[in-house]
Amino acid sequence: MEERQALAAFAALSQETRLRILRLLVVAGPEGLAAGMIADQAGVSASNVSFHIKELERAGLVASRRESRSILYSIDFEALNGLVRFLMEDCCAGQIGLCVDAGQAAECGAVR
């Protein structure tokens, strides 16, 4: 991922509702969710969801597809993984094992 793409993704995620929507879509997995379901789960109006989804799509983090009469939104996992790789690529001066070990310890509650 290029820095320009990462900046667009971070800009999109710097807003509370968009971050909440992205996290909902991560949980939903590749199947995705319809806008109405996203609105219900995020606690916002459907028009509000549309506005925020457009920003996430523009940043390349969310994709849409039509199924019957619904439009389903899902995470572009390749793009999200690219964003994580962008953050971690220079981790610990190239010794990514140190970062992975620290991340695993944090997940287990060993690091405070």
PDB file of N, CA and C in Angstrom:
ATOM      1  N   MET A   1       0.850  -1.176   0.000  1.00  0.00           N
ATOM      2  CA  MET A   1       0.000   0.000   0.000  1.00  0.00           C
ATOM      3  C   MET A   1       0.892   1.234   0.000  1.00  0.00           C
ATOM      4  N   GLU A   2       0.523   2.193  -0.810  1.00  0.00           N
ATOM      5  CA  GLU A   2       1.260   3.450  -0.872  1.00  0.00           C
ATOM      6  C   GLU A   2       0.803   4.379   0.252  1.00  0.00           C
ATOM      7  N   GLU A   3       1.662   5.304   0.585  1.00  0.00           N
ATOM      8  CA  GLU A   3       1.354   6.252   1.661  1.00  0.00           C
ATOM      9  C   GLU A   3       0.073   7.030   1.375  1.00  0.00           C
ATOM     10  N   ARG A   4      -0.126   7.414   0.121  1.00  0.00           N
ATOM     11  CA  ARG A   4      -1.326   8.163  -0.265  1.00  0.00           C
ATOM     12  C   ARG A   4      -2.596   7.368   0.040  1.00  0.00           C
ATOM     13  N   GLN A   5      -2.572   6.068  -0.268  1.00  0.00           N
ATOM     14  CA  GLN A   5      -3.719   5.206   0.015  1.00  0.00           C
ATOM     15  C   GLN A   5      -3.933   5.058   1.522  1.00  0.00           C
ATOM     16  N   ALA A   6      -2.843   4.909   2.253  1.00  0.00           N
ATOM     17  CA  ALA A   6      -2.944   4.779   3.712  1.00  0.00           C
ATOM     18  C   ALA A   6      -3.530   6.055   4.316  1.00  0.00           C
ATOM     19  N   LEU A   7      -3.122   7.189   3.830  1.00  0.00           N
ATOM     20  CA  LEU A   7      -3.660   8.459   4.341  1.00  0.00           C
ATOM     21  C   LEU A   7      -5.166   8.559   4.093  1.00  0.00           C
ATOM     22  N   ALA A   8      -5.599   8.135   2.918  1.00  0.00           N
ATOM     23  CA  ALA A   8      -7.039   8.164   2.615  1.00  0.00           C
ATOM     24  C   ALA A   8      -7.799   7.228   3.544  1.00  0.00           C
ATOM     25  N   ALA A   9      -7.232   6.056   3.810  1.00  0.00           N
ATOM     26  CA  ALA A   9      -7.881   5.095   4.709  1.00  0.00           C
ATOM     27  C   ALA A   9      -7.941   5.643   6.127  1.00  0.00           C
ATOM     28  N   PHE A  10      -6.847   6.198   6.599  1.00  0.00           N
ATOM     29  CA  PHE A  10      -6.834   6.754   7.951  1.00  0.00           C
ATOM     30  C   PHE A  10      -7.779   7.943   8.076  1.00  0.00           C
ATOM     31  N   ALA A  11      -7.861   8.750   7.036  1.00  0.00           N
ATOM     32  CA  ALA A  11      -8.792   9.886   7.062  1.00  0.00           C
ATOM     33  C   ALA A  11     -10.226   9.387   7.171  1.00  0.00           C
ATOM     34  N   ALA A  12     -10.553   8.347   6.417  1.00  0.00           N
ATOM     35  CA  ALA A  12     -11.909   7.788   6.477  1.00  0.00           C
ATOM     36  C   ALA A  12     -12.192   7.193   7.845  1.00  0.00           C
ATOM     37  N   LEU A  13     -11.212   6.563   8.448  1.00  0.00           N
ATOM     38  CA  LEU A  13     -11.413   5.891   9.731  1.00  0.00           C
ATOM     39  C   LEU A  13     -11.313   6.825  10.930  1.00  0.00           C
ATOM     40  N   SER A  14     -10.956   8.069  10.687  1.00  0.00           N
ATOM     41  CA  SER A  14     -10.796   9.008  11.804  1.00  0.00           C
ATOM     42  C   SER A  14     -12.135   9.548  12.300  1.00  0.00           C
ATOM     43  N   GLN A  15     -13.214   9.098  11.725  1.00  0.00           N
ATOM     44  CA  GLN A  15     -14.549   9.527  12.133  1.00  0.00           C
ATOM     45  C   GLN A  15     -15.239   8.368  12.849  1.00  0.00           C
ATOM     46  N   GLU A  16     -15.847   8.647  13.986  1.00  0.00           N
ATOM     47  CA  GLU A  16     -16.412   7.623  14.873  1.00  0.00           C
ATOM     48  C   GLU A  16     -17.405   6.683  14.187  1.00  0.00           C
ATOM     49  N   THR A  17     -18.350   7.227  13.438  1.00  0.00           N
ATOM     50  CA  THR A  17     -19.363   6.381  12.800  1.00  0.00           C
ATOM     51  C   THR A  17     -18.744   5.490  11.742  1.00  0.00           C
ATOM     52  N   ARG A  18     -17.817   6.020  10.968  1.00  0.00           N
ATOM     53  CA  ARG A  18     -17.172   5.205   9.928  1.00  0.00           C
ATOM     54  C   ARG A  18     -16.343   4.082  10.553  1.00  0.00           C
ATOM     55  N   LEU A  19     -15.663   4.370  11.635  1.00  0.00           N
ATOM     56  CA  LEU A  19     -14.904   3.319  12.315  1.00  0.00           C
ATOM     57  C   LEU A  19     -15.852   2.250  12.850  1.00  0.00           C
ATOM     58  N   ARG A  20     -16.976   2.670  13.401  1.00  0.00           N
ATOM     59  CA  ARG A  20     -17.973   1.719  13.910  1.00  0.00           C
ATOM     60  C   ARG A  20     -18.510   0.849  12.763  1.00  0.00           C
ATOM     61  N   ILE A  21     -18.802   1.468  11.623  1.00  0.00           N
ATOM     62  CA  ILE A  21     -19.301   0.725  10.456  1.00  0.00           C
ATOM     63  C   ILE A  21     -18.253  -0.277   9.979  1.00  0.00           C
ATOM     64  N   LEU A  22     -17.011   0.151   9.890  1.00  0.00           N
ATOM     65  CA  LEU A  22     -15.951  -0.746   9.446  1.00  0.00           C
ATOM     66  C   LEU A  22     -15.849  -1.950  10.377  1.00  0.00           C
ATOM     67  N   ARG A  23     -15.921  -1.721  11.665  1.00  0.00           N
ATOM     68  CA  ARG A  23     -15.820  -2.820  12.625  1.00  0.00           C
ATOM     69  C   ARG A  23     -17.019  -3.770  12.515  1.00  0.00           C
ATOM     70  N   LEU A  24     -18.200  -3.217  12.254  1.00  0.00           N
ATOM     71  CA  LEU A  24     -19.376  -4.067  12.031  1.00  0.00           C
ATOM     72  C   LEU A  24     -19.184  -4.951  10.800  1.00  0.00           C
ATOM     73  N   LEU A  25     -18.625  -4.370   9.756  1.00  0.00           N
ATOM     74  CA  LEU A  25     -18.418  -5.125   8.529  1.00  0.00           C
ATOM     75  C   LEU A  25     -17.317  -6.162   8.678  1.00  0.00           C
ATOM     76  N   VAL A  26     -16.325  -5.891   9.500  1.00  0.00           N
ATOM     77  CA  VAL A  26     -15.291  -6.896   9.772  1.00  0.00           C
ATOM     78  C   VAL A  26     -15.935  -8.109  10.424  1.00  0.00           C
ATOM     79  N   VAL A  27     -16.806  -7.869  11.402  1.00  0.00           N
ATOM     80  CA  VAL A  27     -17.493  -8.964  12.091  1.00  0.00           C
ATOM     81  C   VAL A  27     -18.392  -9.729  11.116  1.00  0.00           C
ATOM     82  N   ALA A  28     -19.059  -9.013  10.218  1.00  0.00           N
ATOM     83  CA  ALA A  28     -19.972  -9.648   9.260  1.00  0.00           C
ATOM     84  C   ALA A  28     -19.231 -10.549   8.278  1.00  0.00           C
ATOM     85  N   GLY A  29     -17.973 -10.259   8.030  1.00  0.00           N
ATOM     86  CA  GLY A  29     -17.179 -11.080   7.116  1.00  0.00           C
ATOM     87  C   GLY A  29     -17.511 -10.811   5.660  1.00  0.00           C
ATOM     88  N   PRO A  30     -17.103 -11.719   4.787  1.00  0.00           N
ATOM     89  CA  PRO A  30     -17.273 -11.518   3.345  1.00  0.00           C
ATOM     90  C   PRO A  30     -18.734 -11.405   2.902  1.00  0.00           C
ATOM     91  N   GLU A  31     -19.662 -11.948   3.684  1.00  0.00           N
ATOM     92  CA  GLU A  31     -21.075 -11.867   3.312  1.00  0.00           C
ATOM     93  C   GLU A  31     -21.561 -10.428   3.336  1.00  0.00           C
ATOM     94  N   GLY A  32     -21.019  -9.626   4.245  1.00  0.00           N
ATOM     95  CA  GLY A  32     -21.394  -8.224   4.324  1.00  0.00           C
ATOM     96  C   GLY A  32     -22.761  -8.015   4.959  1.00  0.00           C
ATOM     97  N   LEU A  33     -23.191  -6.769   4.919  1.00  0.00           N
ATOM     98  CA  LEU A  33     -24.471  -6.362   5.496  1.00  0.00           C
ATOM     99  C   LEU A  33     -25.160  -5.367   4.576  1.00  0.00           C
ATOM    100  N   ALA A  34     -26.482  -5.370   4.631  1.00  0.00           N
ATOM    101  CA  ALA A  34     -27.269  -4.363   3.917  1.00  0.00           C
ATOM    102  C   ALA A  34     -27.218  -3.058   4.711  1.00  0.00           C
ATOM    103  N   ALA A  35     -27.453  -1.945   4.034  1.00  0.00           N
ATOM    104  CA  ALA A  35     -27.379  -0.630   4.674  1.00  0.00           C
ATOM    105  C   ALA A  35     -28.323  -0.523   5.864  1.00  0.00           C
ATOM    106  N   GLY A  36     -29.518  -1.084   5.746  1.00  0.00           N
ATOM    107  CA  GLY A  36     -30.479  -1.023   6.847  1.00  0.00           C
ATOM    108  C   GLY A  36     -29.979  -1.732   8.088  1.00  0.00           C
ATOM    109  N   MET A  37     -29.339  -2.882   7.900  1.00  0.00           N
ATOM    110  CA  MET A  37     -28.779  -3.631   9.020  1.00  0.00           C
ATOM    111  C   MET A  37     -27.616  -2.864   9.644  1.00  0.00           C
ATOM    112  N   ILE A  38     -26.798  -2.259   8.794  1.00  0.00           N
ATOM    113  CA  ILE A  38     -25.688  -1.447   9.300  1.00  0.00           C
ATOM    114  C   ILE A  38     -26.237  -0.293  10.128  1.00  0.00           C
ATOM    115  N   ALA A  39     -27.272   0.367   9.612  1.00  0.00           N
ATOM    116  CA  ALA A  39     -27.874   1.497  10.328  1.00  0.00           C
ATOM    117  C   ALA A  39     -28.398   1.060  11.686  1.00  0.00           C
ATOM    118  N   ASP A  40     -29.105  -0.070  11.727  1.00  0.00           N
ATOM    119  CA  ASP A  40     -29.638  -0.577  12.993  1.00  0.00           C
ATOM    120  C   ASP A  40     -28.524  -0.871  13.988  1.00  0.00           C
ATOM    121  N   GLN A  41     -27.504  -1.580  13.522  1.00  0.00           N
ATOM    122  CA  GLN A  41     -26.427  -1.983  14.425  1.00  0.00           C
ATOM    123  C   GLN A  41     -25.533  -0.819  14.844  1.00  0.00           C
ATOM    124  N   ALA A  42     -25.380   0.165  13.957  1.00  0.00           N
ATOM    125  CA  ALA A  42     -24.537   1.323  14.276  1.00  0.00           C
ATOM    126  C   ALA A  42     -25.309   2.397  15.030  1.00  0.00           C
ATOM    127  N   GLY A  43     -26.637   2.286  15.036  1.00  0.00           N
ATOM    128  CA  GLY A  43     -27.455   3.264  15.735  1.00  0.00           C
ATOM    129  C   GLY A  43     -27.531   4.612  15.037  1.00  0.00           C
ATOM    130  N   VAL A  44     -27.538   4.582  13.705  1.00  0.00           N
ATOM    131  CA  VAL A  44     -27.643   5.818  12.916  1.00  0.00           C
ATOM    132  C   VAL A  44     -28.696   5.631  11.828  1.00  0.00           C
ATOM    133  N   SER A  45     -29.072   6.712  11.173  1.00  0.00           N
ATOM    134  CA  SER A  45     -30.073   6.639  10.112  1.00  0.00           C
ATOM    135  C   SER A  45     -29.483   6.024   8.846  1.00  0.00           C
ATOM    136  N   ALA A  46     -30.353   5.516   7.986  1.00  0.00           N
ATOM    137  CA  ALA A  46     -29.913   4.911   6.726  1.00  0.00           C
ATOM    138  C   ALA A  46     -29.205   5.936   5.840  1.00  0.00           C
ATOM    139  N   SER A  47     -29.698   7.171   5.817  1.00  0.00           N
ATOM    140  CA  SER A  47     -29.033   8.197   4.999  1.00  0.00           C
ATOM    141  C   SER A  47     -27.651   8.512   5.553  1.00  0.00           C
ATOM    142  N   ASN A  48     -27.513   8.464   6.861  1.00  0.00           N
ATOM    143  CA  ASN A  48     -26.219   8.686   7.489  1.00  0.00           C
ATOM    144  C   ASN A  48     -25.253   7.568   7.099  1.00  0.00           C
ATOM    145  N   VAL A  49     -25.745   6.330   7.081  1.00  0.00           N
ATOM    146  CA  VAL A  49     -24.916   5.194   6.684  1.00  0.00           C
ATOM    147  C   VAL A  49     -24.441   5.376   5.252  1.00  0.00           C
ATOM    148  N   SER A  50     -25.325   5.775   4.358  1.00  0.00           N
ATOM    149  CA  SER A  50     -24.950   5.970   2.954  1.00  0.00           C
ATOM    150  C   SER A  50     -23.815   6.967   2.818  1.00  0.00           C
ATOM    151  N   PHE A  51     -23.908   8.068   3.540  1.00  0.00           N
ATOM    152  CA  PHE A  51     -22.865   9.094   3.510  1.00  0.00           C
ATOM    153  C   PHE A  51     -21.523   8.502   3.943  1.00  0.00           C
ATOM    154  N   HIS A  52     -21.521   7.772   5.048  1.00  0.00           N
ATOM    155  CA  HIS A  52     -20.277   7.234   5.586  1.00  0.00           C
ATOM    156  C   HIS A  52     -19.733   6.078   4.751  1.00  0.00           C
ATOM    157  N   ILE A  53     -20.617   5.256   4.214  1.00  0.00           N
ATOM    158  CA  ILE A  53     -20.183   4.154   3.346  1.00  0.00           C
ATOM    159  C   ILE A  53     -19.465   4.711   2.120  1.00  0.00           C
ATOM    160  N   LYS A  54     -19.976   5.801   1.563  1.00  0.00           N
ATOM    161  CA  LYS A  54     -19.323   6.405   0.397  1.00  0.00           C
ATOM    162  C   LYS A  54     -17.881   6.788   0.711  1.00  0.00           C
ATOM    163  N   GLU A  55     -17.646   7.316   1.895  1.00  0.00           N
ATOM    164  CA  GLU A  55     -16.288   7.690   2.291  1.00  0.00           C
ATOM    165  C   GLU A  55     -15.406   6.450   2.450  1.00  0.00           C
ATOM    166  N   LEU A  56     -15.951   5.400   3.016  1.00  0.00           N
ATOM    167  CA  LEU A  56     -15.185   4.163   3.170  1.00  0.00           C
ATOM    168  C   LEU A  56     -14.903   3.512   1.818  1.00  0.00           C
ATOM    169  N   GLU A  57     -15.860   3.603   0.899  1.00  0.00           N
ATOM    170  CA  GLU A  57     -15.640   3.088  -0.463  1.00  0.00           C
ATOM    171  C   GLU A  57     -14.577   3.915  -1.174  1.00  0.00           C
ATOM    172  N   ARG A  58     -14.657   5.221  -1.033  1.00  0.00           N
ATOM    173  CA  ARG A  58     -13.685   6.116  -1.669  1.00  0.00           C
ATOM    174  C   ARG A  58     -12.270   5.813  -1.171  1.00  0.00           C
ATOM    175  N   ALA A  59     -12.159   5.426   0.100  1.00  0.00           N
ATOM    176  CA  ALA A  59     -10.859   5.086   0.679  1.00  0.00           C
ATOM    177  C   ALA A  59     -10.414   3.681   0.296  1.00  0.00           C
ATOM    178  N   GLY A  60     -11.290   2.929  -0.376  1.00  0.00           N
ATOM    179  CA  GLY A  60     -10.942   1.592  -0.837  1.00  0.00           C
ATOM    180  C   GLY A  60     -11.077   0.506   0.217  1.00  0.00           C
ATOM    181  N   LEU A  61     -11.760   0.802   1.318  1.00  0.00           N
ATOM    182  CA  LEU A  61     -11.880  -0.162   2.409  1.00  0.00           C
ATOM    183  C   LEU A  61     -13.149  -0.999   2.338  1.00  0.00           C
ATOM    184  N   VAL A  62     -14.153  -0.517   1.625  1.00  0.00           N
ATOM    185  CA  VAL A  62     -15.455  -1.180   1.564  1.00  0.00           C
ATOM    186  C   VAL A  62     -15.860  -1.347   0.104  1.00  0.00           C
ATOM    187  N   ALA A  63     -16.475  -2.484  -0.176  1.00  0.00           N
ATOM    188  CA  ALA A  63     -16.990  -2.761  -1.516  1.00  0.00           C
ATOM    189  C   ALA A  63     -18.491  -3.014  -1.414  1.00  0.00           C
ATOM    190  N   SER A  64     -19.189  -2.769  -2.503  1.00  0.00           N
ATOM    191  CA  SER A  64     -20.630  -3.025  -2.515  1.00  0.00           C
ATOM    192  C   SER A  64     -20.964  -3.979  -3.655  1.00  0.00           C
ATOM    193  N   ARG A  65     -22.054  -4.707  -3.448  1.00  0.00           N
ATOM    194  CA  ARG A  65     -22.539  -5.593  -4.502  1.00  0.00           C
ATOM    195  C   ARG A  65     -24.056  -5.717  -4.366  1.00  0.00           C
ATOM    196  N   ARG A  66     -24.697  -5.886  -5.494  1.00  0.00           N
ATOM    197  CA  ARG A  66     -26.151  -6.023  -5.502  1.00  0.00           C
ATOM    198  C   ARG A  66     -26.525  -7.490  -5.409  1.00  0.00           C
ATOM    199  N   GLU A  67     -27.449  -7.780  -4.518  1.00  0.00           N
ATOM    200  CA  GLU A  67     -28.044  -9.107  -4.418  1.00  0.00           C
ATOM    201  C   GLU A  67     -29.543  -8.908  -4.375  1.00  0.00           C
ATOM    202  N   SER A  68     -30.187  -9.333  -5.435  1.00  0.00           N
ATOM    203  CA  SER A  68     -31.624  -9.157  -5.562  1.00  0.00           C
ATOM    204  C   SER A  68     -31.939  -7.659  -5.485  1.00  0.00           C
ATOM    205  N   ARG A  69     -32.750  -7.260  -4.517  1.00  0.00           N
ATOM    206  CA  ARG A  69     -33.122  -5.849  -4.399  1.00  0.00           C
ATOM    207  C   ARG A  69     -32.275  -5.101  -3.386  1.00  0.00           C
ATOM    208  N   SER A  70     -31.308  -5.778  -2.804  1.00  0.00           N
ATOM    209  CA  SER A  70     -30.478  -5.159  -1.765  1.00  0.00           C
ATOM    210  C   SER A  70     -29.071  -4.891  -2.265  1.00  0.00           C
ATOM    211  N   ILE A  71     -28.448  -3.893  -1.681  1.00  0.00           N
ATOM    212  CA  ILE A  71     -27.030  -3.657  -1.885  1.00  0.00           C
ATOM    213  C   ILE A  71     -26.351  -4.054  -0.584  1.00  0.00           C
ATOM    214  N   LEU A  72     -25.398  -4.967  -0.710  1.00  0.00           N
ATOM    215  CA  LEU A  72     -24.657  -5.425   0.454  1.00  0.00           C
ATOM    216  C   LEU A  72     -23.278  -4.797   0.448  1.00  0.00           C
ATOM    217  N   TYR A  73     -22.837  -4.414   1.626  1.00  0.00           N
ATOM    218  CA  TYR A  73     -21.534  -3.787   1.795  1.00  0.00           C
ATOM    219  C   TYR A  73     -20.649  -4.732   2.591  1.00  0.00           C
ATOM    220  N   SER A  74     -19.409  -4.845   2.161  1.00  0.00           N
ATOM    221  CA  SER A  74     -18.467  -5.711   2.868  1.00  0.00           C
ATOM    222  C   SER A  74     -17.083  -5.076   2.847  1.00  0.00           C
ATOM    223  N   ILE A  75     -16.263  -5.544   3.759  1.00  0.00           N
ATOM    224  CA  ILE A  75     -14.890  -5.073   3.854  1.00  0.00           C
ATOM    225  C   ILE A  75     -14.102  -5.589   2.664  1.00  0.00           C
ATOM    226  N   ASP A  76     -13.231  -4.766   2.147  1.00  0.00           N
ATOM    227  CA  ASP A  76     -12.231  -5.236   1.189  1.00  0.00           C
ATOM    228  C   ASP A  76     -11.060  -5.700   2.054  1.00  0.00           C
ATOM    229  N   PHE A  77     -11.060  -6.989   2.388  1.00  0.00           N
ATOM    230  CA  PHE A  77     -10.068  -7.514   3.321  1.00  0.00           C
ATOM    231  C   PHE A  77      -8.645  -7.355   2.797  1.00  0.00           C
ATOM    232  N   GLU A  78      -8.471  -7.410   1.493  1.00  0.00           N
ATOM    233  CA  GLU A  78      -7.140  -7.204   0.925  1.00  0.00           C
ATOM    234  C   GLU A  78      -6.645  -5.793   1.232  1.00  0.00           C
ATOM    235  N   ALA A  79      -7.521  -4.806   1.088  1.00  0.00           N
ATOM    236  CA  ALA A  79      -7.152  -3.427   1.391  1.00  0.00           C
ATOM    237  C   ALA A  79      -6.881  -3.236   2.881  1.00  0.00           C
ATOM    238  N   LEU A  80      -7.707  -3.826   3.723  1.00  0.00           N
ATOM    239  CA  LEU A  80      -7.517  -3.710   5.167  1.00  0.00           C
ATOM    240  C   LEU A  80      -6.209  -4.379   5.586  1.00  0.00           C
ATOM    241  N   ASN A  81      -5.932  -5.547   5.032  1.00  0.00           N
ATOM    242  CA  ASN A  81      -4.660  -6.208   5.314  1.00  0.00           C
ATOM    243  C   ASN A  81      -3.484  -5.374   4.815  1.00  0.00           C
ATOM    244  N   GLY A  82      -3.661  -4.716   3.678  1.00  0.00           N
ATOM    245  CA  GLY A  82      -2.621  -3.838   3.156  1.00  0.00           C
ATOM    246  C   GLY A  82      -2.341  -2.680   4.093  1.00  0.00           C
ATOM    247  N   LEU A  83      -3.389  -2.155   4.711  1.00  0.00           N
ATOM    248  CA  LEU A  83      -3.221  -1.064   5.664  1.00  0.00           C
ATOM    249  C   LEU A  83      -2.443  -1.541   6.889  1.00  0.00           C
ATOM    250  N   VAL A  84      -2.758  -2.723   7.375  1.00  0.00           N
ATOM    251  CA  VAL A  84      -2.033  -3.282   8.525  1.00  0.00           C
ATOM    252  C   VAL A  84      -0.573  -3.537   8.142  1.00  0.00           C
ATOM    253  N   ARG A  85      -0.354  -4.095   6.954  1.00  0.00           N
ATOM    254  CA  ARG A  85       1.027  -4.327   6.498  1.00  0.00           C
ATOM    255  C   ARG A  85       1.785  -3.013   6.391  1.00  0.00           C
ATOM    256  N   PHE A  86       1.115  -1.974   5.891  1.00  0.00           N
ATOM    257  CA  PHE A  86       1.743  -0.661   5.776  1.00  0.00           C
ATOM    258  C   PHE A  86       2.233  -0.194   7.142  1.00  0.00           C
ATOM    259  N   LEU A  87       1.420  -0.391   8.176  1.00  0.00           N
ATOM    260  CA  LEU A  87       1.802   0.025   9.526  1.00  0.00           C
ATOM    261  C   LEU A  87       2.949  -0.806  10.084  1.00  0.00           C
ATOM    262  N   MET A  88       2.974  -2.067   9.743  1.00  0.00           N
ATOM    263  CA  MET A  88       3.922  -2.982  10.364  1.00  0.00           C
ATOM    264  C   MET A  88       5.190  -3.233   9.548  1.00  0.00           C
ATOM    265  N   GLU A  89       5.265  -2.743   8.328  1.00  0.00           N
ATOM    266  CA  GLU A  89       6.369  -3.149   7.461  1.00  0.00           C
ATOM    267  C   GLU A  89       7.740  -2.759   7.994  1.00  0.00           C
ATOM    268  N   ASP A  90       7.853  -1.703   8.750  1.00  0.00           N
ATOM    269  CA  ASP A  90       9.148  -1.303   9.303  1.00  0.00           C
ATOM    270  C   ASP A  90       9.218  -1.564  10.798  1.00  0.00           C
ATOM    271  N   CYS A  91       8.343  -2.406  11.280  1.00  0.00           N
ATOM    272  CA  CYS A  91       8.238  -2.695  12.704  1.00  0.00           C
ATOM    273  C   CYS A  91       9.568  -3.146  13.289  1.00  0.00           C
ATOM    274  N   CYS A  92       9.948  -2.551  14.366  1.00  0.00           N
ATOM    275  CA  CYS A  92      11.134  -2.964  15.126  1.00  0.00           C
ATOM    276  C   CYS A  92      12.356  -3.089  14.223  1.00  0.00           C
ATOM    277  N   ALA A  93      12.547  -2.092  13.366  1.00  0.00           N
ATOM    278  CA  ALA A  93      13.695  -2.047  12.452  1.00  0.00           C
ATOM    279  C   ALA A  93      13.794  -3.311  11.595  1.00  0.00           C
ATOM    280  N   GLY A  94      12.641  -3.791  11.148  1.00  0.00           N
ATOM    281  CA  GLY A  94      12.619  -4.947  10.268  1.00  0.00           C
ATOM    282  C   GLY A  94      12.563  -6.280  10.990  1.00  0.00           C
ATOM    283  N   GLN A  95      12.563  -6.278  12.296  1.00  0.00           N
ATOM    284  CA  GLN A  95      12.488  -7.520  13.078  1.00  0.00           C
ATOM    285  C   GLN A  95      11.045  -7.752  13.483  1.00  0.00           C
ATOM    286  N   ILE A  96      10.228  -8.084  12.505  1.00  0.00           N
ATOM    287  CA  ILE A  96       8.786  -8.175  12.731  1.00  0.00           C
ATOM    288  C   ILE A  96       8.430  -9.202  13.806  1.00  0.00           C
ATOM    289  N   GLY A  97       9.271 -10.176  14.032  1.00  0.00           N
ATOM    290  CA  GLY A  97       9.025 -11.161  15.083  1.00  0.00           C
ATOM    291  C   GLY A  97       8.848 -10.504  16.441  1.00  0.00           C
ATOM    292  N   LEU A  98       9.577  -9.427  16.690  1.00  0.00           N
ATOM    293  CA  LEU A  98       9.428  -8.712  17.958  1.00  0.00           C
ATOM    294  C   LEU A  98       8.042  -8.090  18.072  1.00  0.00           C
ATOM    295  N   CYS A  99       7.555  -7.516  17.005  1.00  0.00           N
ATOM    296  CA  CYS A  99       6.236  -6.887  17.025  1.00  0.00           C
ATOM    297  C   CYS A  99       5.141  -7.935  17.145  1.00  0.00           C
ATOM    298  N   VAL A 100       5.294  -9.038  16.438  1.00  0.00           N
ATOM    299  CA  VAL A 100       4.291 -10.090  16.499  1.00  0.00           C
ATOM    300  C   VAL A 100       4.237 -10.661  17.912  1.00  0.00           C
ATOM    301  N   ASP A 101       5.405 -10.916  18.500  1.00  0.00           N
ATOM    302  CA  ASP A 101       5.443 -11.445  19.862  1.00  0.00           C
ATOM    303  C   ASP A 101       4.780 -10.476  20.838  1.00  0.00           C
ATOM    304  N   ALA A 102       5.048  -9.185  20.699  1.00  0.00           N
ATOM    305  CA  ALA A 102       4.446  -8.188  21.588  1.00  0.00           C
ATOM    306  C   ALA A 102       2.937  -8.149  21.382  1.00  0.00           C
ATOM    307  N   GLY A 103       2.496  -8.242  20.126  1.00  0.00           N
ATOM    308  CA  GLY A 103       1.064  -8.248  19.832  1.00  0.00           C
ATOM    309  C   GLY A 103       0.373  -9.468  20.406  1.00  0.00           C
ATOM    310  N   GLN A 104       1.016 -10.615  20.308  1.00  0.00           N
ATOM    311  CA  GLN A 104       0.434 -11.831  20.869  1.00  0.00           C
ATOM    312  C   GLN A 104       0.371 -11.751  22.382  1.00  0.00           C
ATOM    313  N   ALA A 105       1.395 -11.190  23.006  1.00  0.00           N
ATOM    314  CA  ALA A 105       1.395 -11.050  24.470  1.00  0.00           C
ATOM    315  C   ALA A 105       0.302 -10.102  24.898  1.00  0.00           C
ATOM    316  N   ALA A 106       0.095  -9.026  24.130  1.00  0.00           N
ATOM    317  CA  ALA A 106      -0.967  -8.066  24.468  1.00  0.00           C
ATOM    318  C   ALA A 106      -2.340  -8.728  24.359  1.00  0.00           C
ATOM    319  N   GLU A 107      -2.519  -9.563  23.349  1.00  0.00           N
ATOM    320  CA  GLU A 107      -3.793 -10.260  23.184  1.00  0.00           C
ATOM    321  C   GLU A 107      -4.073 -11.181  24.346  1.00  0.00           C
ATOM    322  N   CYS A 108      -3.026 -11.747  24.910  1.00  0.00           N
ATOM    323  CA  CYS A 108      -3.184 -12.676  26.027  1.00  0.00           C
ATOM    324  C   CYS A 108      -3.260 -11.942  27.361  1.00  0.00           C
ATOM    325  N   GLY A 109      -3.096 -10.612  27.347  1.00  0.00           N
ATOM    326  CA  GLY A 109      -3.161  -9.847  28.588  1.00  0.00           C
ATOM    327  C   GLY A 109      -1.851  -9.831  29.347  1.00  0.00           C
ATOM    328  N   ALA A 110      -0.768 -10.307  28.726  1.00  0.00           N
ATOM    329  CA  ALA A 110       0.519 -10.359  29.399  1.00  0.00           C
ATOM    330  C   ALA A 110       1.217  -9.008  29.438  1.00  0.00           C
ATOM    331  N   VAL A 111       0.900  -8.139  28.492  1.00  0.00           N
ATOM    332  CA  VAL A 111       1.527  -6.819  28.441  1.00  0.00           C
ATOM    333  C   VAL A 111       0.527  -5.797  28.946  1.00  0.00           C
ATOM    334  N   ARG A 112       0.944  -4.973  29.846  1.00  0.00           N
ATOM    335  CA  ARG A 112       0.041  -3.939  30.399  1.00  0.00           C
ATOM    336  C   ARG A 112       0.619  -2.577  30.187  1.00  0.00           C
TER     337      ARG A 112
END
